[in-house]
Amino acid sequence: MIRPKLSYIIPVYNVESYLPQCLDSIFSQAVPANQYEVICIDDTSTDASSKVILDYKKKYSNLIYIQNAVNLKAGGTRNVGLSVARGEYVWFVDSDDLIAAGAINAILAVLQKNPV
């Protein structure tokens, strides 16, 4: 299995109305799916956030779904994501964030020229 260049870690808590736009902004990037993974961690949401994630998981093989057994808040949930991330680089994304078109390609190009 090829190691992805980038791991997106998205803590999720009761954001069903924002999450589709966030995920669409990531998955619509013109980057091969093997270059990145998206890790969504549901922190015990009481809305339909889990359903949103599971619907996207059916479409995107590079989406990883984790459901916390107890509420860990944002910091603890990010740490859960870090524990499974395989990417060379990590990008923490809040579930109400949008990633600009072309952002992944631009970031990967800079990292290739200037490895950190």
PDB file of N, CA and C in Angstrom:
ATOM      1  N   MET A   1       0.845  -1.189   0.000  1.00  0.00           N
ATOM      2  CA  MET A   1       0.000   0.000   0.000  1.00  0.00           C
ATOM      3  C   MET A   1       0.886   1.247   0.000  1.00  0.00           C
ATOM      4  N   ILE A   2       0.559   2.173  -0.850  1.00  0.00           N
ATOM      5  CA  ILE A   2       1.316   3.417  -0.958  1.00  0.00           C
ATOM      6  C   ILE A   2       0.945   4.335   0.206  1.00  0.00           C
ATOM      7  N   ARG A   3       1.968   4.895   0.819  1.00  0.00           N
ATOM      8  CA  ARG A   3       1.734   5.841   1.911  1.00  0.00           C
ATOM      9  C   ARG A   3       1.269   7.175   1.326  1.00  0.00           C
ATOM     10  N   PRO A   4       0.132   7.694   1.805  1.00  0.00           N
ATOM     11  CA  PRO A   4      -0.326   8.987   1.288  1.00  0.00           C
ATOM     12  C   PRO A   4       0.603  10.118   1.718  1.00  0.00           C
ATOM     13  N   LYS A   5       0.641  11.156   0.922  1.00  0.00           N
ATOM     14  CA  LYS A   5       1.433  12.332   1.264  1.00  0.00           C
ATOM     15  C   LYS A   5       0.787  13.122   2.393  1.00  0.00           C
ATOM     16  N   LEU A   6      -0.549  13.156   2.408  1.00  0.00           N
ATOM     17  CA  LEU A   6      -1.258  14.056   3.303  1.00  0.00           C
ATOM     18  C   LEU A   6      -2.406  13.340   4.002  1.00  0.00           C
ATOM     19  N   SER A   7      -2.508  13.555   5.300  1.00  0.00           N
ATOM     20  CA  SER A   7      -3.651  13.068   6.079  1.00  0.00           C
ATOM     21  C   SER A   7      -4.446  14.270   6.565  1.00  0.00           C
ATOM     22  N   TYR A   8      -5.717  14.325   6.177  1.00  0.00           N
ATOM     23  CA  TYR A   8      -6.637  15.310   6.740  1.00  0.00           C
ATOM     24  C   TYR A   8      -7.260  14.682   7.972  1.00  0.00           C
ATOM     25  N   ILE A   9      -7.266  15.381   9.075  1.00  0.00           N
ATOM     26  CA  ILE A   9      -7.919  14.907  10.289  1.00  0.00           C
ATOM     27  C   ILE A   9      -9.049  15.885  10.607  1.00  0.00           C
ATOM     28  N   ILE A  10     -10.276  15.342  10.651  1.00  0.00           N
ATOM     29  CA  ILE A  10     -11.454  16.177  10.856  1.00  0.00           C
ATOM     30  C   ILE A  10     -12.222  15.695  12.086  1.00  0.00           C
ATOM     31  N   PRO A  11     -12.147  16.433  13.204  1.00  0.00           N
ATOM     32  CA  PRO A  11     -13.009  16.113  14.342  1.00  0.00           C
ATOM     33  C   PRO A  11     -14.445  16.505  14.004  1.00  0.00           C
ATOM     34  N   VAL A  12     -15.381  15.647  14.342  1.00  0.00           N
ATOM     35  CA  VAL A  12     -16.781  15.871  13.979  1.00  0.00           C
ATOM     36  C   VAL A  12     -17.638  15.793  15.236  1.00  0.00           C
ATOM     37  N   TYR A  13     -18.425  16.859  15.455  1.00  0.00           N
ATOM     38  CA  TYR A  13     -19.384  16.844  16.561  1.00  0.00           C
ATOM     39  C   TYR A  13     -20.587  17.703  16.195  1.00  0.00           C
ATOM     40  N   ASN A  14     -21.698  17.055  15.914  1.00  0.00           N
ATOM     41  CA  ASN A  14     -22.968  17.727  15.605  1.00  0.00           C
ATOM     42  C   ASN A  14     -22.823  18.802  14.517  1.00  0.00           C
ATOM     43  N   VAL A  15     -22.300  18.390  13.377  1.00  0.00           N
ATOM     44  CA  VAL A  15     -22.062  19.328  12.272  1.00  0.00           C
ATOM     45  C   VAL A  15     -22.658  18.836  10.959  1.00  0.00           C
ATOM     46  N   GLU A  16     -23.749  18.104  11.040  1.00  0.00           N
ATOM     47  CA  GLU A  16     -24.325  17.521   9.829  1.00  0.00           C
ATOM     48  C   GLU A  16     -24.614  18.560   8.757  1.00  0.00           C
ATOM     49  N   SER A  17     -24.925  19.803   9.136  1.00  0.00           N
ATOM     50  CA  SER A  17     -25.248  20.818   8.128  1.00  0.00           C
ATOM     51  C   SER A  17     -24.005  21.416   7.465  1.00  0.00           C
ATOM     52  N   TYR A  18     -22.838  21.321   8.100  1.00  0.00           N
ATOM     53  CA  TYR A  18     -21.598  21.869   7.534  1.00  0.00           C
ATOM     54  C   TYR A  18     -20.732  20.815   6.856  1.00  0.00           C
ATOM     55  N   LEU A  19     -20.801  19.610   7.354  1.00  0.00           N
ATOM     56  CA  LEU A  19     -19.870  18.562   6.948  1.00  0.00           C
ATOM     57  C   LEU A  19     -19.857  18.251   5.456  1.00  0.00           C
ATOM     58  N   PRO A  20     -21.004  18.174   4.775  1.00  0.00           N
ATOM     59  CA  PRO A  20     -20.938  17.885   3.335  1.00  0.00           C
ATOM     60  C   PRO A  20     -20.113  18.898   2.545  1.00  0.00           C
ATOM     61  N   GLN A  21     -20.246  20.177   2.862  1.00  0.00           N
ATOM     62  CA  GLN A  21     -19.474  21.197   2.143  1.00  0.00           C
ATOM     63  C   GLN A  21     -17.972  21.028   2.426  1.00  0.00           C
ATOM     64  N   CYS A  22     -17.648  20.734   3.653  1.00  0.00           N
ATOM     65  CA  CYS A  22     -16.240  20.517   4.010  1.00  0.00           C
ATOM     66  C   CYS A  22     -15.670  19.334   3.229  1.00  0.00           C
ATOM     67  N   LEU A  23     -16.366  18.208   3.268  1.00  0.00           N
ATOM     68  CA  LEU A  23     -15.884  17.015   2.570  1.00  0.00           C
ATOM     69  C   LEU A  23     -15.848  17.220   1.065  1.00  0.00           C
ATOM     70  N   ASP A  24     -16.859  17.878   0.513  1.00  0.00           N
ATOM     71  CA  ASP A  24     -16.856  18.163  -0.928  1.00  0.00           C
ATOM     72  C   ASP A  24     -15.649  19.009  -1.315  1.00  0.00           C
ATOM     73  N   SER A  25     -15.293  19.961  -0.478  1.00  0.00           N
ATOM     74  CA  SER A  25     -14.156  20.832  -0.800  1.00  0.00           C
ATOM     75  C   SER A  25     -12.838  20.055  -0.806  1.00  0.00           C
ATOM     76  N   ILE A  26     -12.774  18.968  -0.073  1.00  0.00           N
ATOM     77  CA  ILE A  26     -11.573  18.124  -0.068  1.00  0.00           C
ATOM     78  C   ILE A  26     -11.602  17.148  -1.239  1.00  0.00           C
ATOM     79  N   PHE A  27     -12.710  16.415  -1.384  1.00  0.00           N
ATOM     80  CA  PHE A  27     -12.765  15.373  -2.398  1.00  0.00           C
ATOM     81  C   PHE A  27     -12.883  15.914  -3.823  1.00  0.00           C
ATOM     82  N   SER A  28     -13.180  17.193  -3.988  1.00  0.00           N
ATOM     83  CA  SER A  28     -13.265  17.760  -5.338  1.00  0.00           C
ATOM     84  C   SER A  28     -11.913  18.261  -5.850  1.00  0.00           C
ATOM     85  N   GLN A  29     -10.880  18.154  -5.039  1.00  0.00           N
ATOM     86  CA  GLN A  29      -9.543  18.565  -5.464  1.00  0.00           C
ATOM     87  C   GLN A  29      -9.055  17.642  -6.589  1.00  0.00           C
ATOM     88  N   ALA A  30      -8.282  18.166  -7.494  1.00  0.00           N
ATOM     89  CA  ALA A  30      -7.757  17.387  -8.621  1.00  0.00           C
ATOM     90  C   ALA A  30      -6.464  16.694  -8.203  1.00  0.00           C
ATOM     91  N   VAL A  31      -6.596  15.759  -7.269  1.00  0.00           N
ATOM     92  CA  VAL A  31      -5.452  15.024  -6.737  1.00  0.00           C
ATOM     93  C   VAL A  31      -5.826  13.548  -6.686  1.00  0.00           C
ATOM     94  N   PRO A  32      -4.928  12.653  -7.108  1.00  0.00           N
ATOM     95  CA  PRO A  32      -5.249  11.232  -7.017  1.00  0.00           C
ATOM     96  C   PRO A  32      -5.553  10.826  -5.569  1.00  0.00           C
ATOM     97  N   ALA A  33      -6.528   9.964  -5.415  1.00  0.00           N
ATOM     98  CA  ALA A  33      -6.980   9.551  -4.083  1.00  0.00           C
ATOM     99  C   ALA A  33      -5.868   8.900  -3.257  1.00  0.00           C
ATOM    100  N   ASN A  34      -4.886   8.304  -3.918  1.00  0.00           N
ATOM    101  CA  ASN A  34      -3.812   7.660  -3.150  1.00  0.00           C
ATOM    102  C   ASN A  34      -2.810   8.654  -2.580  1.00  0.00           C
ATOM    103  N   GLN A  35      -2.954   9.939  -2.908  1.00  0.00           N
ATOM    104  CA  GLN A  35      -2.054  10.963  -2.394  1.00  0.00           C
ATOM    105  C   GLN A  35      -2.493  11.513  -1.035  1.00  0.00           C
ATOM    106  N   TYR A  36      -3.743  11.229  -0.640  1.00  0.00           N
ATOM    107  CA  TYR A  36      -4.234  11.762   0.634  1.00  0.00           C
ATOM    108  C   TYR A  36      -5.274  10.834   1.233  1.00  0.00           C
ATOM    109  N   GLU A  37      -5.454  10.970   2.531  1.00  0.00           N
ATOM    110  CA  GLU A  37      -6.524  10.265   3.229  1.00  0.00           C
ATOM    111  C   GLU A  37      -7.285  11.282   4.068  1.00  0.00           C
ATOM    112  N   VAL A  38      -8.559  11.002   4.281  1.00  0.00           N
ATOM    113  CA  VAL A  38      -9.412  11.870   5.077  1.00  0.00           C
ATOM    114  C   VAL A  38      -9.888  11.045   6.271  1.00  0.00           C
ATOM    115  N   ILE A  39      -9.531  11.491   7.466  1.00  0.00           N
ATOM    116  CA  ILE A  39      -9.894  10.777   8.684  1.00  0.00           C
ATOM    117  C   ILE A  39     -10.939  11.601   9.420  1.00  0.00           C
ATOM    118  N   CYS A  40     -12.163  11.079   9.462  1.00  0.00           N
ATOM    119  CA  CYS A  40     -13.263  11.739  10.165  1.00  0.00           C
ATOM    120  C   CYS A  40     -13.512  10.990  11.467  1.00  0.00           C
ATOM    121  N   ILE A  41     -13.430  11.704  12.570  1.00  0.00           N
ATOM    122  CA  ILE A  41     -13.652  11.106  13.878  1.00  0.00           C
ATOM    123  C   ILE A  41     -14.904  11.719  14.480  1.00  0.00           C
ATOM    124  N   ASP A  42     -15.950  10.911  14.612  1.00  0.00           N
ATOM    125  CA  ASP A  42     -17.197  11.382  15.217  1.00  0.00           C
ATOM    126  C   ASP A  42     -17.050  11.317  16.731  1.00  0.00           C
ATOM    127  N   ASP A  43     -17.135  12.469  17.349  1.00  0.00           N
ATOM    128  CA  ASP A  43     -16.943  12.583  18.802  1.00  0.00           C
ATOM    129  C   ASP A  43     -18.285  12.511  19.537  1.00  0.00           C
ATOM    130  N   THR A  44     -19.022  11.437  19.318  1.00  0.00           N
ATOM    131  CA  THR A  44     -20.321  11.151  19.949  1.00  0.00           C
ATOM    132  C   THR A  44     -21.411  12.149  19.559  1.00  0.00           C
ATOM    133  N   SER A  45     -21.485  12.483  18.278  1.00  0.00           N
ATOM    134  CA  SER A  45     -22.534  13.384  17.786  1.00  0.00           C
ATOM    135  C   SER A  45     -23.913  12.805  18.067  1.00  0.00           C
ATOM    136  N   THR A  46     -24.863  13.702  18.292  1.00  0.00           N
ATOM    137  CA  THR A  46     -26.248  13.278  18.499  1.00  0.00           C
ATOM    138  C   THR A  46     -27.119  13.598  17.288  1.00  0.00           C
ATOM    139  N   ASP A  47     -26.537  14.213  16.264  1.00  0.00           N
ATOM    140  CA  ASP A  47     -27.268  14.496  15.035  1.00  0.00           C
ATOM    141  C   ASP A  47     -26.902  13.438  13.990  1.00  0.00           C
ATOM    142  N   ALA A  48     -27.093  13.728  12.728  1.00  0.00           N
ATOM    143  CA  ALA A  48     -26.832  12.764  11.650  1.00  0.00           C
ATOM    144  C   ALA A  48     -25.422  12.875  11.068  1.00  0.00           C
ATOM    145  N   SER A  49     -24.488  13.412  11.816  1.00  0.00           N
ATOM    146  CA  SER A  49     -23.109  13.541  11.323  1.00  0.00           C
ATOM    147  C   SER A  49     -22.528  12.193  10.909  1.00  0.00           C
ATOM    148  N   SER A  50     -22.759  11.151  11.696  1.00  0.00           N
ATOM    149  CA  SER A  50     -22.234   9.821  11.361  1.00  0.00           C
ATOM    150  C   SER A  50     -22.785   9.329  10.030  1.00  0.00           C
ATOM    151  N   LYS A  51     -24.061   9.572   9.796  1.00  0.00           N
ATOM    152  CA  LYS A  51     -24.664   9.148   8.527  1.00  0.00           C
ATOM    153  C   LYS A  51     -24.009   9.869   7.354  1.00  0.00           C
ATOM    154  N   VAL A  52     -23.740  11.153   7.524  1.00  0.00           N
ATOM    155  CA  VAL A  52     -23.066  11.916   6.465  1.00  0.00           C
ATOM    156  C   VAL A  52     -21.713  11.276   6.161  1.00  0.00           C
ATOM    157  N   ILE A  53     -20.953  10.988   7.193  1.00  0.00           N
ATOM    158  CA  ILE A  53     -19.624  10.380   6.998  1.00  0.00           C
ATOM    159  C   ILE A  53     -19.752   9.028   6.307  1.00  0.00           C
ATOM    160  N   LEU A  54     -20.654   8.194   6.776  1.00  0.00           N
ATOM    161  CA  LEU A  54     -20.817   6.862   6.191  1.00  0.00           C
ATOM    162  C   LEU A  54     -21.269   6.927   4.740  1.00  0.00           C
ATOM    163  N   ASP A  55     -22.101   7.906   4.384  1.00  0.00           N
ATOM    164  CA  ASP A  55     -22.496   8.088   2.981  1.00  0.00           C
ATOM    165  C   ASP A  55     -21.286   8.440   2.122  1.00  0.00           C
ATOM    166  N   TYR A  56     -20.418   9.313   2.606  1.00  0.00           N
ATOM    167  CA  TYR A  56     -19.205   9.672   1.869  1.00  0.00           C
ATOM    168  C   TYR A  56     -18.239   8.491   1.798  1.00  0.00           C
ATOM    169  N   LYS A  57     -18.175   7.708   2.857  1.00  0.00           N
ATOM    170  CA  LYS A  57     -17.276   6.548   2.877  1.00  0.00           C
ATOM    171  C   LYS A  57     -17.632   5.554   1.775  1.00  0.00           C
ATOM    172  N   LYS A  58     -18.908   5.457   1.443  1.00  0.00           N
ATOM    173  CA  LYS A  58     -19.337   4.571   0.356  1.00  0.00           C
ATOM    174  C   LYS A  58     -18.764   5.024  -0.986  1.00  0.00           C
ATOM    175  N   LYS A  59     -18.540   6.327  -1.142  1.00  0.00           N
ATOM    176  CA  LYS A  59     -18.053   6.888  -2.407  1.00  0.00           C
ATOM    177  C   LYS A  59     -16.540   7.011  -2.469  1.00  0.00           C
ATOM    178  N   TYR A  60     -15.896   7.148  -1.311  1.00  0.00           N
ATOM    179  CA  TYR A  60     -14.461   7.466  -1.296  1.00  0.00           C
ATOM    180  C   TYR A  60     -13.696   6.467  -0.438  1.00  0.00           C
ATOM    181  N   SER A  61     -12.858   5.680  -1.097  1.00  0.00           N
ATOM    182  CA  SER A  61     -12.114   4.634  -0.397  1.00  0.00           C
ATOM    183  C   SER A  61     -11.009   5.196   0.502  1.00  0.00           C
ATOM    184  N   ASN A  62     -10.645   6.446   0.314  1.00  0.00           N
ATOM    185  CA  ASN A  62      -9.593   7.052   1.138  1.00  0.00           C
ATOM    186  C   ASN A  62     -10.162   7.802   2.345  1.00  0.00           C
ATOM    187  N   LEU A  63     -11.442   7.571   2.659  1.00  0.00           N
ATOM    188  CA  LEU A  63     -12.040   8.144   3.855  1.00  0.00           C
ATOM    189  C   LEU A  63     -12.029   7.086   4.963  1.00  0.00           C
ATOM    190  N   ILE A  64     -11.517   7.470   6.097  1.00  0.00           N
ATOM    191  CA  ILE A  64     -11.470   6.598   7.274  1.00  0.00           C
ATOM    192  C   ILE A  64     -12.453   7.154   8.300  1.00  0.00           C
ATOM    193  N   TYR A  65     -13.326   6.294   8.795  1.00  0.00           N
ATOM    194  CA  TYR A  65     -14.346   6.704   9.773  1.00  0.00           C
ATOM    195  C   TYR A  65     -14.035   6.075  11.124  1.00  0.00           C
ATOM    196  N   ILE A  66     -14.015   6.912  12.134  1.00  0.00           N
ATOM    197  CA  ILE A  66     -13.811   6.457  13.510  1.00  0.00           C
ATOM    198  C   ILE A  66     -14.907   7.084  14.354  1.00  0.00           C
ATOM    199  N   GLN A  67     -15.454   6.322  15.268  1.00  0.00           N
ATOM    200  CA  GLN A  67     -16.456   6.855  16.184  1.00  0.00           C
ATOM    201  C   GLN A  67     -15.942   6.683  17.606  1.00  0.00           C
ATOM    202  N   ASN A  68     -15.772   7.800  18.299  1.00  0.00           N
ATOM    203  CA  ASN A  68     -15.340   7.750  19.693  1.00  0.00           C
ATOM    204  C   ASN A  68     -16.437   7.137  20.558  1.00  0.00           C
ATOM    205  N   ALA A  69     -16.033   6.359  21.558  1.00  0.00           N
ATOM    206  CA  ALA A  69     -16.990   5.765  22.499  1.00  0.00           C
ATOM    207  C   ALA A  69     -17.476   6.792  23.511  1.00  0.00           C
ATOM    208  N   VAL A  70     -16.602   7.748  23.825  1.00  0.00           N
ATOM    209  CA  VAL A  70     -16.951   8.840  24.741  1.00  0.00           C
ATOM    210  C   VAL A  70     -16.490  10.141  24.118  1.00  0.00           C
ATOM    211  N   ASN A  71     -17.071  11.248  24.555  1.00  0.00           N
ATOM    212  CA  ASN A  71     -16.715  12.554  24.020  1.00  0.00           C
ATOM    213  C   ASN A  71     -15.337  12.959  24.528  1.00  0.00           C
ATOM    214  N   LEU A  72     -14.413  13.164  23.598  1.00  0.00           N
ATOM    215  CA  LEU A  72     -13.035  13.529  23.931  1.00  0.00           C
ATOM    216  C   LEU A  72     -12.722  14.994  23.669  1.00  0.00           C
ATOM    217  N   LYS A  73     -13.710  15.746  23.195  1.00  0.00           N
ATOM    218  CA  LYS A  73     -13.511  17.147  22.804  1.00  0.00           C
ATOM    219  C   LYS A  73     -12.559  17.209  21.607  1.00  0.00           C
ATOM    220  N   ALA A  74     -12.335  18.387  21.100  1.00  0.00           N
ATOM    221  CA  ALA A  74     -11.565  18.553  19.860  1.00  0.00           C
ATOM    222  C   ALA A  74     -10.128  18.048  19.977  1.00  0.00           C
ATOM    223  N   GLY A  75      -9.441  18.399  21.061  1.00  0.00           N
ATOM    224  CA  GLY A  75      -8.041  17.995  21.202  1.00  0.00           C
ATOM    225  C   GLY A  75      -7.860  16.493  21.284  1.00  0.00           C
ATOM    226  N   GLY A  76      -8.662  15.847  22.111  1.00  0.00           N
ATOM    227  CA  GLY A  76      -8.585  14.392  22.240  1.00  0.00           C
ATOM    228  C   GLY A  76      -8.952  13.694  20.942  1.00  0.00           C
ATOM    229  N   THR A  77      -9.933  14.243  20.238  1.00  0.00           N
ATOM    230  CA  THR A  77     -10.356  13.660  18.970  1.00  0.00           C
ATOM    231  C   THR A  77      -9.275  13.817  17.910  1.00  0.00           C
ATOM    232  N   ARG A  78      -8.591  14.947  17.887  1.00  0.00           N
ATOM    233  CA  ARG A  78      -7.466  15.117  16.956  1.00  0.00           C
ATOM    234  C   ARG A  78      -6.369  14.092  17.250  1.00  0.00           C
ATOM    235  N   ASN A  79      -6.119  13.822  18.529  1.00  0.00           N
ATOM    236  CA  ASN A  79      -5.110  12.825  18.900  1.00  0.00           C
ATOM    237  C   ASN A  79      -5.497  11.428  18.421  1.00  0.00           C
ATOM    238  N   VAL A  80      -6.784  11.107  18.461  1.00  0.00           N
ATOM    239  CA  VAL A  80      -7.244   9.826  17.910  1.00  0.00           C
ATOM    240  C   VAL A  80      -6.897   9.772  16.423  1.00  0.00           C
ATOM    241  N   GLY A  81      -7.165  10.853  15.707  1.00  0.00           N
ATOM    242  CA  GLY A  81      -6.819  10.910  14.287  1.00  0.00           C
ATOM    243  C   GLY A  81      -5.332  10.751  14.039  1.00  0.00           C
ATOM    244  N   LEU A  82      -4.532  11.410  14.854  1.00  0.00           N
ATOM    245  CA  LEU A  82      -3.075  11.277  14.715  1.00  0.00           C
ATOM    246  C   LEU A  82      -2.608   9.840  14.903  1.00  0.00           C
ATOM    247  N   SER A  83      -3.289   9.100  15.770  1.00  0.00           N
ATOM    248  CA  SER A  83      -2.867   7.730  16.056  1.00  0.00           C
ATOM    249  C   SER A  83      -3.068   6.784  14.871  1.00  0.00           C
ATOM    250  N   VAL A  84      -3.937   7.151  13.918  1.00  0.00           N
ATOM    251  CA  VAL A  84      -4.161   6.295  12.753  1.00  0.00           C
ATOM    252  C   VAL A  84      -3.658   6.915  11.450  1.00  0.00           C
ATOM    253  N   ALA A  85      -3.274   8.169  11.471  1.00  0.00           N
ATOM    254  CA  ALA A  85      -2.826   8.856  10.252  1.00  0.00           C
ATOM    255  C   ALA A  85      -1.583   8.177   9.687  1.00  0.00           C
ATOM    256  N   ARG A  86      -1.595   7.978   8.366  1.00  0.00           N
ATOM    257  CA  ARG A  86      -0.455   7.369   7.681  1.00  0.00           C
ATOM    258  C   ARG A  86       0.284   8.367   6.800  1.00  0.00           C
ATOM    259  N   GLY A  87      -0.262   9.552   6.652  1.00  0.00           N
ATOM    260  CA  GLY A  87       0.325  10.528   5.748  1.00  0.00           C
ATOM    261  C   GLY A  87       1.678  11.035   6.209  1.00  0.00           C
ATOM    262  N   GLU A  88       2.444  11.456   5.236  1.00  0.00           N
ATOM    263  CA  GLU A  88       3.742  12.073   5.521  1.00  0.00           C
ATOM    264  C   GLU A  88       3.538  13.412   6.233  1.00  0.00           C
ATOM    265  N   TYR A  89       2.452  14.082   5.884  1.00  0.00           N
ATOM    266  CA  TYR A  89       2.092  15.362   6.482  1.00  0.00           C
ATOM    267  C   TYR A  89       0.656  15.289   6.989  1.00  0.00           C
ATOM    268  N   VAL A  90       0.325  16.106   7.983  1.00  0.00           N
ATOM    269  CA  VAL A  90      -1.009  16.124   8.578  1.00  0.00           C
ATOM    270  C   VAL A  90      -1.585  17.529   8.476  1.00  0.00           C
ATOM    271  N   TRP A  91      -2.874  17.599   8.141  1.00  0.00           N
ATOM    272  CA  TRP A  91      -3.589  18.870   8.086  1.00  0.00           C
ATOM    273  C   TRP A  91      -4.852  18.707   8.923  1.00  0.00           C
ATOM    274  N   PHE A  92      -4.943  19.454  10.011  1.00  0.00           N
ATOM    275  CA  PHE A  92      -6.147  19.455  10.829  1.00  0.00           C
ATOM    276  C   PHE A  92      -7.165  20.385  10.179  1.00  0.00           C
ATOM    277  N   VAL A  93      -8.343  19.861   9.932  1.00  0.00           N
ATOM    278  CA  VAL A  93      -9.412  20.624   9.302  1.00  0.00           C
ATOM    279  C   VAL A  93     -10.616  20.587  10.235  1.00  0.00           C
ATOM    280  N   ASP A  94     -11.183  21.739  10.532  1.00  0.00           N
ATOM    281  CA  ASP A  94     -12.428  21.768  11.291  1.00  0.00           C
ATOM    282  C   ASP A  94     -13.578  21.434  10.345  1.00  0.00           C
ATOM    283  N   SER A  95     -14.612  20.835  10.869  1.00  0.00           N
ATOM    284  CA  SER A  95     -15.710  20.344  10.036  1.00  0.00           C
ATOM    285  C   SER A  95     -16.518  21.453   9.360  1.00  0.00           C
ATOM    286  N   ASP A  96     -16.310  22.691   9.763  1.00  0.00           N
ATOM    287  CA  ASP A  96     -16.992  23.800   9.078  1.00  0.00           C
ATOM    288  C   ASP A  96     -16.028  24.584   8.180  1.00  0.00           C
ATOM    289  N   ASP A  97     -14.831  24.049   7.960  1.00  0.00           N
ATOM    290  CA  ASP A  97     -13.859  24.673   7.056  1.00  0.00           C
ATOM    291  C   ASP A  97     -14.110  24.249   5.618  1.00  0.00           C
ATOM    292  N   LEU A  98     -13.659  25.076   4.693  1.00  0.00           N
ATOM    293  CA  LEU A  98     -13.671  24.740   3.270  1.00  0.00           C
ATOM    294  C   LEU A  98     -12.251  24.868   2.757  1.00  0.00           C
ATOM    295  N   ILE A  99     -11.827  23.924   1.939  1.00  0.00           N
ATOM    296  CA  ILE A  99     -10.484  23.935   1.358  1.00  0.00           C
ATOM    297  C   ILE A  99     -10.599  24.522  -0.049  1.00  0.00           C
ATOM    298  N   ALA A 100      -9.828  25.548  -0.323  1.00  0.00           N
ATOM    299  CA  ALA A 100      -9.887  26.225  -1.623  1.00  0.00           C
ATOM    300  C   ALA A 100      -9.487  25.286  -2.753  1.00  0.00           C
ATOM    301  N   ALA A 101     -10.121  25.454  -3.895  1.00  0.00           N
ATOM    302  CA  ALA A 101      -9.794  24.659  -5.076  1.00  0.00           C
ATOM    303  C   ALA A 101      -8.311  24.797  -5.396  1.00  0.00           C
ATOM    304  N   GLY A 102      -7.673  23.695  -5.667  1.00  0.00           N
ATOM    305  CA  GLY A 102      -6.254  23.693  -6.009  1.00  0.00           C
ATOM    306  C   GLY A 102      -5.309  23.741  -4.832  1.00  0.00           C
ATOM    307  N   ALA A 103      -5.833  23.816  -3.627  1.00  0.00           N
ATOM    308  CA  ALA A 103      -4.979  23.965  -2.442  1.00  0.00           C
ATOM    309  C   ALA A 103      -4.065  22.758  -2.223  1.00  0.00           C
ATOM    310  N   ILE A 104      -4.591  21.571  -2.403  1.00  0.00           N
ATOM    311  CA  ILE A 104      -3.761  20.384  -2.153  1.00  0.00           C
ATOM    312  C   ILE A 104      -2.601  20.332  -3.134  1.00  0.00           C
ATOM    313  N   ASN A 105      -2.874  20.550  -4.416  1.00  0.00           N
ATOM    314  CA  ASN A 105      -1.790  20.533  -5.413  1.00  0.00           C
ATOM    315  C   ASN A 105      -0.740  21.583  -5.090  1.00  0.00           C
ATOM    316  N   ALA A 106      -1.174  22.778  -4.705  1.00  0.00           N
ATOM    317  CA  ALA A 106      -0.231  23.845  -4.370  1.00  0.00           C
ATOM    318  C   ALA A 106       0.633  23.450  -3.172  1.00  0.00           C
ATOM    319  N   ILE A 107       0.011  22.901  -2.153  1.00  0.00           N
ATOM    320  CA  ILE A 107       0.753  22.500  -0.950  1.00  0.00           C
ATOM    321  C   ILE A 107       1.718  21.368  -1.270  1.00  0.00           C
ATOM    322  N   LEU A 108       1.251  20.357  -2.000  1.00  0.00           N
ATOM    323  CA  LEU A 108       2.128  19.234  -2.334  1.00  0.00           C
ATOM    324  C   LEU A 108       3.306  19.683  -3.189  1.00  0.00           C
ATOM    325  N   ALA A 109       3.097  20.645  -4.086  1.00  0.00           N
ATOM    326  CA  ALA A 109       4.182  21.163  -4.927  1.00  0.00           C
ATOM    327  C   ALA A 109       5.234  21.863  -4.074  1.00  0.00           C
ATOM    328  N   VAL A 110       4.797  22.671  -3.119  1.00  0.00           N
ATOM    329  CA  VAL A 110       5.740  23.368  -2.219  1.00  0.00           C
ATOM    330  C   VAL A 110       6.514  22.352  -1.374  1.00  0.00           C
ATOM    331  N   LEU A 111       5.810  21.347  -0.862  1.00  0.00           N
ATOM    332  CA  LEU A 111       6.471  20.342  -0.024  1.00  0.00           C
ATOM    333  C   LEU A 111       7.480  19.514  -0.828  1.00  0.00           C
ATOM    334  N   GLN A 112       7.182  19.275  -2.096  1.00  0.00           N
ATOM    335  CA  GLN A 112       8.117  18.529  -2.920  1.00  0.00           C
ATOM    336  C   GLN A 112       9.394  19.330  -3.167  1.00  0.00           C
ATOM    337  N   LYS A 113       9.242  20.634  -3.374  1.00  0.00           N
ATOM    338  CA  LYS A 113      10.412  21.490  -3.611  1.00  0.00           C
ATOM    339  C   LYS A 113      11.190  21.782  -2.325  1.00  0.00           C
ATOM    340  N   ASN A 114      10.477  21.861  -1.211  1.00  0.00           N
ATOM    341  CA  ASN A 114      11.081  22.231   0.065  1.00  0.00           C
ATOM    342  C   ASN A 114      10.650  21.264   1.159  1.00  0.00           C
ATOM    343  N   PRO A 115      11.169  20.035   1.148  1.00  0.00           N
ATOM    344  CA  PRO A 115      10.738  19.063   2.162  1.00  0.00           C
ATOM    345  C   PRO A 115      11.043  19.564   3.580  1.00  0.00           C
ATOM    346  N   VAL A 116      10.094  19.338   4.460  1.00  0.00           N
ATOM    347  CA  VAL A 116      10.287  19.732   5.855  1.00  0.00           C
ATOM    348  C   VAL A 116      10.291  18.511   6.743  1.00  0.00           C
TER     349      VAL A 116
END
